[in-house]
Amino acid sequence: MAPKHSEKSFFSAAYEQITSPEHKTIVRSILVFGAGVAFLHSSLSELLLPP
C-alpha cells in the first residue's frame, strides 16, 4: 500500500510559491509598490512638497 501524503494547507502552499526563486521579481515588485504607497500615504510624503 502506498504511503499517504498529507496535503499541504493553503498557507504553506502559498508561502512555498511566494518564496520560490522563479517568483522573486514579482514579489519584490509588489513589495516595493506597497512600500511606495505606504510612504505616499504617510505624513512623510510632505517632505516631497516644495517649500
C-alpha atoms as a PDB file:
ATOM      1  CA  MET A   1       0.000   0.000   0.000  1.00  0.00           C
ATOM      2  CA  ALA A   2       1.369   3.399  -0.952  1.00  0.00           C
ATOM      3  CA  PRO A   3       2.152   5.795   1.890  1.00  0.00           C
ATOM      4  CA  LYS A   4      -0.325   8.585   2.398  1.00  0.00           C
ATOM      5  CA  HIS A   5       0.913  12.106   1.849  1.00  0.00           C
ATOM      6  CA  SER A   6      -0.902  14.750   3.793  1.00  0.00           C
ATOM      7  CA  GLU A   7      -1.922  17.646   1.624  1.00  0.00           C
ATOM      8  CA  LYS A   8      -0.364  20.985   2.406  1.00  0.00           C
ATOM      9  CA  SER A   9      -2.508  23.692   3.876  1.00  0.00           C
ATOM     10  CA  PHE A  10      -3.369  26.726   1.798  1.00  0.00           C
ATOM     11  CA  PHE A  11      -0.951  28.947   3.718  1.00  0.00           C
ATOM     12  CA  SER A  12       2.009  26.601   3.473  1.00  0.00           C
ATOM     13  CA  ALA A  13       1.412  26.121  -0.253  1.00  0.00           C
ATOM     14  CA  ALA A  14       1.102  29.894  -0.746  1.00  0.00           C
ATOM     15  CA  TYR A  15       4.280  30.527   1.262  1.00  0.00           C
ATOM     16  CA  GLU A  16       6.144  27.934  -0.784  1.00  0.00           C
ATOM     17  CA  GLN A  17       5.026  29.573  -4.031  1.00  0.00           C
ATOM     18  CA  ILE A  18       5.877  33.094  -2.836  1.00  0.00           C
ATOM     19  CA  THR A  19       9.370  32.125  -1.732  1.00  0.00           C
ATOM     20  CA  SER A  20      10.210  30.173  -4.875  1.00  0.00           C
ATOM     21  CA  PRO A  21      13.066  31.708  -6.912  1.00  0.00           C
ATOM     22  CA  GLU A  22      11.023  31.968 -10.097  1.00  0.00           C
ATOM     23  CA  HIS A  23       8.595  34.422  -8.438  1.00  0.00           C
ATOM     24  CA  LYS A  24      11.265  36.576  -6.794  1.00  0.00           C
ATOM     25  CA  THR A  25      10.989  39.553  -9.163  1.00  0.00           C
ATOM     26  CA  ILE A  26       7.194  39.664  -8.973  1.00  0.00           C
ATOM     27  CA  VAL A  27       7.185  39.506  -5.180  1.00  0.00           C
ATOM     28  CA  ARG A  28       9.870  42.196  -4.969  1.00  0.00           C
ATOM     29  CA  SER A  29       7.885  44.464  -7.310  1.00  0.00           C
ATOM     30  CA  ILE A  30       4.741  44.076  -5.220  1.00  0.00           C
ATOM     31  CA  LEU A  31       6.654  44.829  -2.009  1.00  0.00           C
ATOM     32  CA  VAL A  32       8.285  47.953  -3.478  1.00  0.00           C
ATOM     33  CA  PHE A  33       4.913  49.152  -4.778  1.00  0.00           C
ATOM     34  CA  GLY A  34       3.336  48.594  -1.352  1.00  0.00           C
ATOM     35  CA  ALA A  35       6.160  50.458   0.382  1.00  0.00           C
ATOM     36  CA  GLY A  36       5.773  53.363  -2.060  1.00  0.00           C
ATOM     37  CA  VAL A  37       2.035  53.577  -1.488  1.00  0.00           C
ATOM     38  CA  ALA A  38       2.540  53.426   2.289  1.00  0.00           C
ATOM     39  CA  PHE A  39       5.147  56.210   2.105  1.00  0.00           C
ATOM     40  CA  LEU A  40       2.963  58.452  -0.045  1.00  0.00           C
ATOM     41  CA  HIS A  41       0.013  57.871   2.268  1.00  0.00           C
ATOM     42  CA  SER A  42       2.019  58.755   5.379  1.00  0.00           C
ATOM     43  CA  SER A  43       2.843  62.209   6.708  1.00  0.00           C
ATOM     44  CA  LEU A  44       6.422  61.764   5.484  1.00  0.00           C
ATOM     45  CA  SER A  45       5.225  62.389   1.938  1.00  0.00           C
ATOM     46  CA  GLU A  46       5.000  66.097   2.826  1.00  0.00           C
ATOM     47  CA  LEU A  47       8.797  66.142   2.596  1.00  0.00           C
ATOM     48  CA  LEU A  48       8.403  65.835  -1.173  1.00  0.00           C
ATOM     49  CA  LEU A  49       6.439  69.099  -1.434  1.00  0.00           C
ATOM     50  CA  PRO A  50       8.391  72.200  -2.445  1.00  0.00           C
ATOM     51  CA  PRO A  51       8.795  74.861   0.285  1.00  0.00           C
END
